[in-house]
Amino acid sequence: MTKLIVGLGNPGDEHEEDRHNAGFWFVDALAKQLNARFESEKRFHGKVAKAKWEGEDLFLLKPSTYMNLSGQAVGALYRFHKLTPVDILVVQDELDLKPGTARIKLGGGTGGHNGLKDIQAHLGTPDYWRLRLGIGHPRDVAGEGRVMDVADYVLRRPQLAEQKLIDSSIENSLQILPLFMKGDTQTAMLELHSKG
């Protein structure tokens, strides 16, 4: 069973609504559902919420290191609780998926995502679970033939229509989480992937 769910994002009020913080939005919604509260934990370089899932401990983590150093927080908690990579689900924003789409996969490349690169460096393996929340790519939304820089795009808030789609993909992901958590990953993936 998954023992650690990491939401990726950047700390600080100025980043709260950035597309890059979709992972934070997911773990915030899950913490609310589980009645868990995030507390700052210096030794884990982030905010941690502890919850129970089917009687087992489940940790939710929001690194406070900024995206590019997310592995510091994940690695610290991973080592402290003696987890294995497959115990971890990392929730991230994904440029290559349209808003409203969410995908789960185990392992694979980082797709240029700096948060994932750093996590992989700290874990020493790509073999952890990822939940990819689509935020779209600037080339798909920029008008007038001028494509917005990727860094600018991920550090801005989505348009209202996009935000609603991202929120619905978070909702869909939360709905399949019980299947995923009990190890029925194939059914969870099929259900989630059929929703968009």
N, C-alpha and C. Protein backbone atom coordinates (compact mmCIF):
# COMPACT_ATOMS: atom_id res chain seq x y z
N MET A 1 0.83 -1.20 0.00
CA MET A 1 0.00 0.00 0.00
C MET A 1 0.87 1.25 0.00
N THR A 2 0.40 2.28 -0.69
CA THR A 2 1.11 3.55 -0.71
C THR A 2 1.18 4.12 0.71
N LYS A 3 2.35 4.56 1.12
CA LYS A 3 2.51 5.10 2.47
C LYS A 3 2.83 6.58 2.49
N LEU A 4 3.22 7.10 1.32
CA LEU A 4 3.57 8.52 1.23
C LEU A 4 3.02 9.09 -0.06
N ILE A 5 2.22 10.15 0.05
CA ILE A 5 1.73 10.86 -1.13
C ILE A 5 2.33 12.26 -1.09
N VAL A 6 3.10 12.56 -2.11
CA VAL A 6 3.81 13.84 -2.19
C VAL A 6 3.13 14.72 -3.22
N GLY A 7 2.74 15.91 -2.83
CA GLY A 7 2.23 16.89 -3.78
C GLY A 7 3.37 17.84 -4.13
N LEU A 8 3.63 18.04 -5.41
CA LEU A 8 4.71 18.94 -5.80
C LEU A 8 4.17 20.35 -6.06
N GLY A 9 4.98 21.34 -5.67
CA GLY A 9 4.61 22.73 -5.87
C GLY A 9 5.68 23.62 -5.29
N ASN A 10 5.42 24.91 -5.31
CA ASN A 10 6.33 25.89 -4.70
C ASN A 10 5.66 26.51 -3.50
N PRO A 11 6.40 26.72 -2.41
CA PRO A 11 5.80 27.32 -1.21
C PRO A 11 5.56 28.82 -1.40
N GLY A 12 4.73 29.38 -0.53
CA GLY A 12 4.52 30.83 -0.53
C GLY A 12 3.20 31.22 -1.18
N ASP A 13 2.58 32.26 -0.60
CA ASP A 13 1.28 32.72 -1.10
C ASP A 13 1.32 33.12 -2.57
N GLU A 14 2.49 33.66 -2.99
CA GLU A 14 2.56 34.16 -4.38
C GLU A 14 2.51 33.02 -5.40
N HIS A 15 2.73 31.78 -4.96
CA HIS A 15 2.70 30.64 -5.90
C HIS A 15 1.45 29.77 -5.75
N GLU A 16 0.62 30.09 -4.76
CA GLU A 16 -0.50 29.23 -4.41
C GLU A 16 -1.38 28.84 -5.60
N GLU A 17 -1.58 29.80 -6.53
CA GLU A 17 -2.50 29.53 -7.63
C GLU A 17 -1.79 29.21 -8.94
N ASP A 18 -0.47 29.04 -8.89
CA ASP A 18 0.30 28.69 -10.10
C ASP A 18 -0.06 27.29 -10.59
N ARG A 19 -0.01 27.10 -11.90
CA ARG A 19 -0.23 25.76 -12.46
C ARG A 19 0.74 24.73 -11.87
N HIS A 20 1.97 25.20 -11.59
CA HIS A 20 3.01 24.31 -11.07
C HIS A 20 2.63 23.71 -9.71
N ASN A 21 1.61 24.27 -9.07
CA ASN A 21 1.21 23.83 -7.73
C ASN A 21 0.06 22.84 -7.73
N ALA A 22 -0.24 22.26 -8.89
CA ALA A 22 -1.35 21.31 -8.97
C ALA A 22 -1.18 20.15 -7.98
N GLY A 23 0.05 19.73 -7.75
CA GLY A 23 0.30 18.65 -6.78
C GLY A 23 -0.09 19.05 -5.37
N PHE A 24 0.19 20.30 -5.01
CA PHE A 24 -0.23 20.83 -3.70
C PHE A 24 -1.76 20.81 -3.61
N TRP A 25 -2.43 21.22 -4.70
CA TRP A 25 -3.90 21.27 -4.68
C TRP A 25 -4.47 19.89 -4.39
N PHE A 26 -3.85 18.87 -4.99
CA PHE A 26 -4.35 17.50 -4.79
C PHE A 26 -4.20 17.08 -3.33
N VAL A 27 -3.00 17.24 -2.75
CA VAL A 27 -2.81 16.77 -1.37
C VAL A 27 -3.60 17.61 -0.38
N ASP A 28 -3.82 18.89 -0.70
CA ASP A 28 -4.68 19.72 0.16
C ASP A 28 -6.10 19.16 0.17
N ALA A 29 -6.61 18.79 -1.02
CA ALA A 29 -7.97 18.23 -1.12
C ALA A 29 -8.05 16.90 -0.38
N LEU A 30 -7.00 16.09 -0.51
CA LEU A 30 -6.99 14.78 0.17
C LEU A 30 -6.92 14.95 1.68
N ALA A 31 -6.09 15.89 2.14
CA ALA A 31 -5.97 16.13 3.59
C ALA A 31 -7.32 16.55 4.15
N LYS A 32 -8.04 17.38 3.40
CA LYS A 32 -9.36 17.84 3.84
C LYS A 32 -10.31 16.65 3.97
N GLN A 33 -10.26 15.78 2.96
CA GLN A 33 -11.10 14.58 2.95
C GLN A 33 -10.79 13.67 4.15
N LEU A 34 -9.52 13.58 4.50
CA LEU A 34 -9.08 12.67 5.57
C LEU A 34 -9.04 13.35 6.94
N ASN A 35 -9.43 14.63 6.95
CA ASN A 35 -9.40 15.38 8.20
C ASN A 35 -8.00 15.46 8.80
N ALA A 36 -7.01 15.63 7.94
CA ALA A 36 -5.61 15.69 8.38
C ALA A 36 -5.10 17.13 8.22
N ARG A 37 -4.20 17.54 9.12
CA ARG A 37 -3.68 18.90 9.07
C ARG A 37 -2.19 18.89 8.76
N PHE A 38 -1.78 19.78 7.88
CA PHE A 38 -0.36 19.91 7.57
C PHE A 38 0.35 20.70 8.65
N GLU A 39 1.50 20.19 9.07
CA GLU A 39 2.35 20.89 10.05
C GLU A 39 3.74 21.01 9.44
N SER A 40 4.40 22.13 9.68
CA SER A 40 5.78 22.29 9.19
C SER A 40 6.70 21.34 9.94
N GLU A 41 7.51 20.60 9.21
CA GLU A 41 8.48 19.65 9.79
C GLU A 41 9.84 19.97 9.21
N LYS A 42 10.68 20.64 9.99
CA LYS A 42 12.01 21.04 9.50
C LYS A 42 12.84 19.87 8.99
N ARG A 43 12.81 18.75 9.74
CA ARG A 43 13.68 17.62 9.35
C ARG A 43 13.25 17.01 8.01
N PHE A 44 11.99 17.25 7.61
CA PHE A 44 11.53 16.73 6.32
C PHE A 44 11.42 17.83 5.26
N HIS A 45 11.94 19.02 5.56
CA HIS A 45 11.97 20.13 4.60
C HIS A 45 10.61 20.39 3.96
N GLY A 46 9.56 20.34 4.77
CA GLY A 46 8.24 20.57 4.19
C GLY A 46 7.14 20.52 5.21
N LYS A 47 5.93 20.50 4.70
CA LYS A 47 4.74 20.37 5.54
C LYS A 47 4.25 18.94 5.41
N VAL A 48 3.99 18.31 6.57
CA VAL A 48 3.59 16.91 6.59
C VAL A 48 2.25 16.78 7.30
N ALA A 49 1.38 15.97 6.73
CA ALA A 49 0.12 15.62 7.40
C ALA A 49 0.13 14.11 7.57
N LYS A 50 -0.26 13.66 8.74
CA LYS A 50 -0.31 12.21 8.99
C LYS A 50 -1.78 11.80 9.10
N ALA A 51 -2.12 10.77 8.38
CA ALA A 51 -3.51 10.29 8.37
C ALA A 51 -3.51 8.77 8.49
N LYS A 52 -4.68 8.23 8.67
CA LYS A 52 -4.85 6.77 8.68
C LYS A 52 -5.62 6.39 7.43
N TRP A 53 -5.19 5.32 6.79
CA TRP A 53 -5.91 4.79 5.63
C TRP A 53 -6.03 3.29 5.85
N GLU A 54 -7.26 2.83 6.03
CA GLU A 54 -7.48 1.40 6.33
C GLU A 54 -6.61 0.95 7.50
N GLY A 55 -6.48 1.81 8.52
CA GLY A 55 -5.73 1.45 9.71
C GLY A 55 -4.23 1.60 9.60
N GLU A 56 -3.74 1.94 8.40
CA GLU A 56 -2.29 2.11 8.19
C GLU A 56 -1.94 3.59 8.18
N ASP A 57 -0.69 3.89 8.59
CA ASP A 57 -0.22 5.27 8.53
C ASP A 57 -0.03 5.70 7.08
N LEU A 58 -0.52 6.90 6.78
CA LEU A 58 -0.32 7.50 5.47
C LEU A 58 0.21 8.91 5.70
N PHE A 59 1.32 9.23 5.05
CA PHE A 59 1.90 10.57 5.17
C PHE A 59 1.63 11.36 3.89
N LEU A 60 1.24 12.60 4.06
CA LEU A 60 1.10 13.52 2.94
C LEU A 60 2.20 14.56 3.10
N LEU A 61 2.84 14.91 2.01
CA LEU A 61 3.99 15.81 2.08
C LEU A 61 3.89 16.91 1.03
N LYS A 62 4.13 18.14 1.48
CA LYS A 62 4.29 19.27 0.56
C LYS A 62 5.69 19.85 0.81
N PRO A 63 6.66 19.56 -0.08
CA PRO A 63 8.01 20.08 0.13
C PRO A 63 8.00 21.62 0.18
N SER A 64 8.83 22.17 1.06
CA SER A 64 8.93 23.64 1.10
C SER A 64 10.28 24.10 0.56
N THR A 65 10.87 23.27 -0.29
CA THR A 65 12.22 23.52 -0.81
C THR A 65 12.19 24.24 -2.16
N TYR A 66 11.03 24.50 -2.71
CA TYR A 66 10.85 24.90 -4.11
C TYR A 66 11.02 23.65 -4.97
N MET A 67 10.33 23.71 -6.11
CA MET A 67 10.17 22.54 -6.98
C MET A 67 11.48 21.81 -7.28
N ASN A 68 12.52 22.57 -7.67
CA ASN A 68 13.75 21.94 -8.16
C ASN A 68 14.49 21.12 -7.12
N LEU A 69 14.15 21.31 -5.83
CA LEU A 69 14.83 20.57 -4.76
C LEU A 69 13.86 19.66 -4.00
N SER A 70 12.78 19.28 -4.64
CA SER A 70 11.75 18.45 -4.00
C SER A 70 12.30 17.16 -3.43
N GLY A 71 13.34 16.63 -4.04
CA GLY A 71 13.92 15.36 -3.60
C GLY A 71 14.47 15.41 -2.19
N GLN A 72 14.91 16.58 -1.75
CA GLN A 72 15.42 16.72 -0.37
C GLN A 72 14.36 16.30 0.62
N ALA A 73 13.15 16.82 0.43
CA ALA A 73 12.05 16.52 1.34
C ALA A 73 11.62 15.06 1.22
N VAL A 74 11.44 14.61 -0.02
CA VAL A 74 10.99 13.23 -0.25
C VAL A 74 12.03 12.25 0.30
N GLY A 75 13.30 12.50 -0.01
CA GLY A 75 14.38 11.61 0.45
C GLY A 75 14.46 11.52 1.96
N ALA A 76 14.29 12.67 2.63
CA ALA A 76 14.39 12.70 4.09
C ALA A 76 13.29 11.86 4.73
N LEU A 77 12.06 12.03 4.26
CA LEU A 77 10.93 11.29 4.85
C LEU A 77 11.01 9.81 4.47
N TYR A 78 11.42 9.55 3.25
CA TYR A 78 11.58 8.18 2.73
C TYR A 78 12.58 7.39 3.57
N ARG A 79 13.72 8.02 3.86
CA ARG A 79 14.75 7.33 4.66
C ARG A 79 14.32 7.16 6.12
N PHE A 80 13.73 8.22 6.67
CA PHE A 80 13.34 8.19 8.08
C PHE A 80 12.33 7.08 8.35
N HIS A 81 11.35 6.92 7.46
CA HIS A 81 10.30 5.92 7.66
C HIS A 81 10.61 4.59 6.96
N LYS A 82 11.84 4.47 6.43
CA LYS A 82 12.29 3.22 5.79
C LYS A 82 11.28 2.72 4.75
N LEU A 83 10.92 3.60 3.85
CA LEU A 83 9.97 3.25 2.80
C LEU A 83 10.72 2.65 1.61
N THR A 84 9.97 2.05 0.71
CA THR A 84 10.54 1.62 -0.57
C THR A 84 9.98 2.56 -1.64
N PRO A 85 10.64 2.68 -2.79
CA PRO A 85 10.15 3.61 -3.82
C PRO A 85 8.69 3.37 -4.22
N VAL A 86 8.26 2.10 -4.29
CA VAL A 86 6.87 1.84 -4.71
C VAL A 86 5.84 2.20 -3.63
N ASP A 87 6.30 2.57 -2.44
CA ASP A 87 5.39 3.07 -1.39
C ASP A 87 4.99 4.52 -1.64
N ILE A 88 5.62 5.14 -2.65
CA ILE A 88 5.47 6.58 -2.85
C ILE A 88 4.64 6.90 -4.08
N LEU A 89 3.71 7.84 -3.93
CA LEU A 89 2.95 8.40 -5.05
C LEU A 89 3.27 9.89 -5.10
N VAL A 90 3.86 10.33 -6.20
CA VAL A 90 4.20 11.74 -6.39
C VAL A 90 3.15 12.36 -7.31
N VAL A 91 2.52 13.43 -6.86
CA VAL A 91 1.48 14.10 -7.65
C VAL A 91 2.08 15.37 -8.25
N GLN A 92 2.04 15.49 -9.56
CA GLN A 92 2.75 16.55 -10.27
C GLN A 92 1.87 17.19 -11.35
N ASP A 93 2.23 18.40 -11.74
CA ASP A 93 1.61 19.04 -12.91
C ASP A 93 2.27 18.46 -14.15
N GLU A 94 1.51 18.30 -15.22
CA GLU A 94 2.04 17.67 -16.44
C GLU A 94 1.70 18.51 -17.66
N LEU A 95 2.75 19.06 -18.31
CA LEU A 95 2.58 19.90 -19.50
C LEU A 95 2.03 19.11 -20.69
N ASP A 96 2.37 17.83 -20.78
CA ASP A 96 2.02 17.04 -21.96
C ASP A 96 0.61 16.46 -21.91
N LEU A 97 -0.15 16.80 -20.88
CA LEU A 97 -1.55 16.38 -20.80
C LEU A 97 -2.43 17.62 -20.74
N LYS A 98 -3.56 17.55 -21.40
CA LYS A 98 -4.49 18.70 -21.40
C LYS A 98 -5.15 18.84 -20.02
N PRO A 99 -5.53 20.06 -19.64
CA PRO A 99 -6.28 20.23 -18.39
C PRO A 99 -7.52 19.34 -18.39
N GLY A 100 -7.80 18.72 -17.26
CA GLY A 100 -8.94 17.80 -17.16
C GLY A 100 -8.51 16.35 -17.29
N THR A 101 -7.28 16.14 -17.72
CA THR A 101 -6.75 14.78 -17.89
C THR A 101 -5.82 14.45 -16.74
N ALA A 102 -5.90 13.22 -16.26
CA ALA A 102 -4.97 12.75 -15.22
C ALA A 102 -4.55 11.33 -15.58
N ARG A 103 -3.31 11.01 -15.29
CA ARG A 103 -2.78 9.69 -15.59
C ARG A 103 -1.92 9.19 -14.43
N ILE A 104 -2.00 7.88 -14.19
CA ILE A 104 -1.13 7.26 -13.17
C ILE A 104 -0.14 6.36 -13.88
N LYS A 105 1.09 6.38 -13.43
CA LYS A 105 2.05 5.42 -13.97
C LYS A 105 3.12 5.13 -12.93
N LEU A 106 3.77 4.00 -13.11
CA LEU A 106 4.89 3.62 -12.25
C LEU A 106 6.17 3.79 -13.06
N GLY A 107 7.11 4.55 -12.51
CA GLY A 107 8.39 4.73 -13.17
C GLY A 107 8.31 5.55 -14.44
N GLY A 108 9.36 5.46 -15.23
CA GLY A 108 9.41 6.21 -16.48
C GLY A 108 10.34 7.41 -16.36
N GLY A 109 10.36 8.19 -17.42
CA GLY A 109 11.24 9.36 -17.46
C GLY A 109 10.68 10.52 -16.66
N THR A 110 11.44 11.61 -16.65
CA THR A 110 10.99 12.78 -15.88
C THR A 110 10.30 13.80 -16.76
N GLY A 111 10.37 13.63 -18.08
CA GLY A 111 9.73 14.57 -18.99
C GLY A 111 10.23 15.99 -18.80
N GLY A 112 11.46 16.13 -18.32
CA GLY A 112 12.01 17.47 -18.11
C GLY A 112 11.50 18.15 -16.85
N HIS A 113 10.71 17.44 -16.04
CA HIS A 113 10.14 18.02 -14.81
C HIS A 113 11.22 18.03 -13.73
N ASN A 114 11.63 19.24 -13.31
CA ASN A 114 12.75 19.36 -12.37
C ASN A 114 12.47 18.74 -11.00
N GLY A 115 11.22 18.79 -10.57
CA GLY A 115 10.86 18.17 -9.30
C GLY A 115 11.09 16.67 -9.35
N LEU A 116 10.67 16.05 -10.46
CA LEU A 116 10.86 14.60 -10.61
C LEU A 116 12.34 14.24 -10.73
N LYS A 117 13.08 15.08 -11.46
CA LYS A 117 14.53 14.82 -11.61
C LYS A 117 15.20 14.75 -10.24
N ASP A 118 14.85 15.70 -9.36
CA ASP A 118 15.50 15.76 -8.06
C ASP A 118 15.06 14.59 -7.17
N ILE A 119 13.79 14.22 -7.26
CA ILE A 119 13.29 13.07 -6.49
C ILE A 119 14.02 11.80 -6.93
N GLN A 120 14.13 11.63 -8.24
CA GLN A 120 14.81 10.45 -8.76
C GLN A 120 16.27 10.41 -8.29
N ALA A 121 16.92 11.57 -8.25
CA ALA A 121 18.31 11.63 -7.78
C ALA A 121 18.41 11.20 -6.31
N HIS A 122 17.45 11.62 -5.49
CA HIS A 122 17.48 11.29 -4.06
C HIS A 122 17.08 9.85 -3.78
N LEU A 123 16.16 9.31 -4.59
CA LEU A 123 15.72 7.92 -4.36
C LEU A 123 16.66 6.93 -5.06
N GLY A 124 17.40 7.41 -6.05
CA GLY A 124 18.31 6.53 -6.79
C GLY A 124 17.60 5.62 -7.78
N THR A 125 16.33 5.91 -8.05
CA THR A 125 15.55 5.07 -8.98
C THR A 125 14.36 5.88 -9.50
N PRO A 126 13.90 5.56 -10.72
CA PRO A 126 12.66 6.19 -11.23
C PRO A 126 11.42 5.39 -10.85
N ASP A 127 11.60 4.28 -10.12
CA ASP A 127 10.49 3.35 -9.90
C ASP A 127 9.61 3.70 -8.71
N TYR A 128 8.99 4.86 -8.78
CA TYR A 128 7.96 5.26 -7.81
C TYR A 128 6.74 5.64 -8.64
N TRP A 129 5.59 5.69 -7.98
CA TRP A 129 4.34 6.01 -8.69
C TRP A 129 4.22 7.52 -8.93
N ARG A 130 3.62 7.87 -10.06
CA ARG A 130 3.34 9.29 -10.34
C ARG A 130 1.86 9.44 -10.72
N LEU A 131 1.27 10.48 -10.22
CA LEU A 131 -0.06 10.90 -10.66
C LEU A 131 0.16 12.21 -11.39
N ARG A 132 -0.08 12.20 -12.69
CA ARG A 132 0.20 13.35 -13.54
C ARG A 132 -1.10 14.10 -13.82
N LEU A 133 -1.17 15.34 -13.36
CA LEU A 133 -2.36 16.18 -13.56
C LEU A 133 -2.09 17.13 -14.72
N GLY A 134 -2.87 16.99 -15.77
CA GLY A 134 -2.65 17.81 -16.96
C GLY A 134 -2.88 19.29 -16.71
N ILE A 135 -1.93 20.11 -17.17
CA ILE A 135 -2.10 21.57 -17.09
C ILE A 135 -2.02 22.19 -18.50
N GLY A 136 -1.82 21.34 -19.51
CA GLY A 136 -1.69 21.85 -20.87
C GLY A 136 -0.30 22.44 -21.11
N HIS A 137 -0.04 22.73 -22.37
CA HIS A 137 1.27 23.26 -22.78
C HIS A 137 1.08 24.65 -23.35
N PRO A 138 2.02 25.57 -23.10
CA PRO A 138 1.84 26.93 -23.62
C PRO A 138 1.65 26.99 -25.13
N ARG A 139 2.23 26.03 -25.86
CA ARG A 139 2.07 26.07 -27.33
C ARG A 139 0.61 25.84 -27.74
N ASP A 140 -0.18 25.20 -26.85
CA ASP A 140 -1.58 24.92 -27.17
C ASP A 140 -2.50 26.08 -26.84
N VAL A 141 -2.02 27.01 -26.02
CA VAL A 141 -2.92 28.09 -25.57
C VAL A 141 -2.51 29.48 -26.06
N ALA A 142 -1.23 29.63 -26.44
CA ALA A 142 -0.77 30.97 -26.85
C ALA A 142 -1.38 31.33 -28.20
N GLY A 143 -1.85 32.55 -28.30
CA GLY A 143 -2.40 33.04 -29.57
C GLY A 143 -1.35 33.86 -30.31
N GLU A 144 -1.74 34.38 -31.46
CA GLU A 144 -0.88 35.29 -32.24
C GLU A 144 0.48 34.69 -32.60
N GLY A 145 0.58 33.37 -32.58
CA GLY A 145 1.82 32.73 -32.99
C GLY A 145 2.99 32.89 -32.02
N ARG A 146 2.75 33.53 -30.86
CA ARG A 146 3.84 33.73 -29.89
C ARG A 146 3.64 32.74 -28.75
N VAL A 147 4.57 31.82 -28.61
CA VAL A 147 4.43 30.80 -27.57
C VAL A 147 5.06 31.31 -26.27
N MET A 148 4.31 31.22 -25.20
CA MET A 148 4.81 31.64 -23.89
C MET A 148 5.91 30.68 -23.43
N ASP A 149 6.89 31.23 -22.77
CA ASP A 149 7.96 30.42 -22.19
C ASP A 149 7.36 29.45 -21.17
N VAL A 150 7.86 28.20 -21.15
CA VAL A 150 7.32 27.17 -20.25
C VAL A 150 7.40 27.62 -18.79
N ALA A 151 8.52 28.21 -18.39
CA ALA A 151 8.68 28.65 -17.00
C ALA A 151 7.63 29.70 -16.64
N ASP A 152 7.38 30.64 -17.55
CA ASP A 152 6.34 31.66 -17.30
C ASP A 152 4.97 31.00 -17.18
N TYR A 153 4.74 30.04 -18.05
CA TYR A 153 3.43 29.37 -18.11
C TYR A 153 3.12 28.62 -16.82
N VAL A 154 4.09 27.83 -16.34
CA VAL A 154 3.80 27.02 -15.14
C VAL A 154 3.71 27.88 -13.88
N LEU A 155 4.31 29.07 -13.92
CA LEU A 155 4.28 29.94 -12.75
C LEU A 155 3.17 30.99 -12.83
N ARG A 156 2.15 30.71 -13.62
CA ARG A 156 0.97 31.59 -13.69
C ARG A 156 -0.28 30.81 -13.33
N ARG A 157 -1.30 31.55 -12.95
CA ARG A 157 -2.55 30.86 -12.62
C ARG A 157 -3.29 30.49 -13.90
N PRO A 158 -3.98 29.35 -13.89
CA PRO A 158 -4.74 28.95 -15.08
C PRO A 158 -5.93 29.88 -15.30
N GLN A 159 -6.41 29.93 -16.54
CA GLN A 159 -7.66 30.64 -16.81
C GLN A 159 -8.78 29.87 -16.11
N LEU A 160 -9.89 30.53 -15.87
CA LEU A 160 -10.98 29.92 -15.09
C LEU A 160 -11.43 28.58 -15.68
N ALA A 161 -11.58 28.53 -17.00
CA ALA A 161 -12.04 27.28 -17.64
C ALA A 161 -11.03 26.16 -17.41
N GLU A 162 -9.74 26.50 -17.51
CA GLU A 162 -8.69 25.50 -17.27
C GLU A 162 -8.72 25.05 -15.81
N GLN A 163 -8.90 26.00 -14.90
CA GLN A 163 -8.90 25.68 -13.47
C GLN A 163 -10.01 24.68 -13.15
N LYS A 164 -11.18 24.90 -13.77
CA LYS A 164 -12.31 23.98 -13.53
C LYS A 164 -11.97 22.57 -14.02
N LEU A 165 -11.28 22.50 -15.15
CA LEU A 165 -10.88 21.18 -15.69
C LEU A 165 -9.85 20.51 -14.78
N ILE A 166 -8.88 21.29 -14.31
CA ILE A 166 -7.86 20.73 -13.41
C ILE A 166 -8.52 20.25 -12.12
N ASP A 167 -9.45 21.07 -11.59
CA ASP A 167 -10.18 20.67 -10.37
C ASP A 167 -10.94 19.36 -10.59
N SER A 168 -11.52 19.21 -11.78
CA SER A 168 -12.29 17.97 -12.04
C SER A 168 -11.33 16.77 -12.15
N SER A 169 -10.11 16.99 -12.67
CA SER A 169 -9.17 15.87 -12.75
C SER A 169 -8.68 15.48 -11.35
N ILE A 170 -8.59 16.46 -10.46
CA ILE A 170 -8.22 16.17 -9.07
C ILE A 170 -9.34 15.37 -8.41
N GLU A 171 -10.57 15.79 -8.66
CA GLU A 171 -11.74 15.08 -8.11
C GLU A 171 -11.78 13.63 -8.62
N ASN A 172 -11.56 13.45 -9.92
CA ASN A 172 -11.55 12.10 -10.51
C ASN A 172 -10.45 11.24 -9.89
N SER A 173 -9.30 11.87 -9.66
CA SER A 173 -8.16 11.13 -9.08
C SER A 173 -8.46 10.71 -7.64
N LEU A 174 -9.12 11.60 -6.90
CA LEU A 174 -9.48 11.26 -5.52
C LEU A 174 -10.49 10.10 -5.49
N GLN A 175 -11.36 10.05 -6.51
CA GLN A 175 -12.37 8.98 -6.55
C GLN A 175 -11.75 7.60 -6.76
N ILE A 176 -10.66 7.54 -7.53
CA ILE A 176 -10.05 6.22 -7.80
C ILE A 176 -8.97 5.87 -6.77
N LEU A 177 -8.67 6.81 -5.88
CA LEU A 177 -7.59 6.58 -4.93
C LEU A 177 -7.81 5.34 -4.05
N PRO A 178 -9.02 5.07 -3.56
CA PRO A 178 -9.21 3.86 -2.75
C PRO A 178 -8.80 2.58 -3.49
N LEU A 179 -9.13 2.49 -4.78
CA LEU A 179 -8.72 1.32 -5.58
C LEU A 179 -7.19 1.25 -5.66
N PHE A 180 -6.59 2.39 -5.94
CA PHE A 180 -5.13 2.44 -6.06
C PHE A 180 -4.46 2.04 -4.74
N MET A 181 -5.00 2.58 -3.65
CA MET A 181 -4.38 2.34 -2.34
C MET A 181 -4.45 0.88 -1.92
N LYS A 182 -5.50 0.19 -2.35
CA LYS A 182 -5.58 -1.22 -1.93
C LYS A 182 -4.83 -2.14 -2.90
N GLY A 183 -4.12 -1.53 -3.85
CA GLY A 183 -3.26 -2.31 -4.74
C GLY A 183 -3.89 -2.71 -6.06
N ASP A 184 -5.16 -2.29 -6.26
CA ASP A 184 -5.81 -2.61 -7.53
C ASP A 184 -5.47 -1.50 -8.54
N THR A 185 -4.18 -1.41 -8.84
CA THR A 185 -3.70 -0.28 -9.65
C THR A 185 -4.22 -0.33 -11.08
N GLN A 186 -4.39 -1.54 -11.63
CA GLN A 186 -4.87 -1.64 -13.02
C GLN A 186 -6.28 -1.07 -13.16
N THR A 187 -7.18 -1.45 -12.25
CA THR A 187 -8.55 -0.93 -12.30
C THR A 187 -8.55 0.57 -12.08
N ALA A 188 -7.74 1.02 -11.11
CA ALA A 188 -7.65 2.46 -10.82
C ALA A 188 -7.21 3.22 -12.07
N MET A 189 -6.21 2.70 -12.75
CA MET A 189 -5.70 3.36 -13.96
C MET A 189 -6.76 3.37 -15.05
N LEU A 190 -7.41 2.23 -15.27
CA LEU A 190 -8.44 2.16 -16.31
C LEU A 190 -9.56 3.15 -16.04
N GLU A 191 -10.00 3.21 -14.79
CA GLU A 191 -11.10 4.13 -14.45
C GLU A 191 -10.69 5.58 -14.66
N LEU A 192 -9.50 5.91 -14.17
CA LEU A 192 -9.03 7.30 -14.27
C LEU A 192 -8.79 7.68 -15.72
N HIS A 193 -8.17 6.79 -16.47
CA HIS A 193 -7.79 7.11 -17.85
C HIS A 193 -9.01 7.17 -18.76
N SER A 194 -10.11 6.54 -18.34
CA SER A 194 -11.34 6.60 -19.17
C SER A 194 -12.09 7.92 -18.94
N LYS A 195 -11.68 8.68 -17.93
CA LYS A 195 -12.41 9.94 -17.62
C LYS A 195 -11.90 11.14 -18.39
N GLY A 196 -10.86 10.96 -19.19
CA GLY A 196 -10.41 12.14 -19.94
C GLY A 196 -9.01 11.97 -20.45
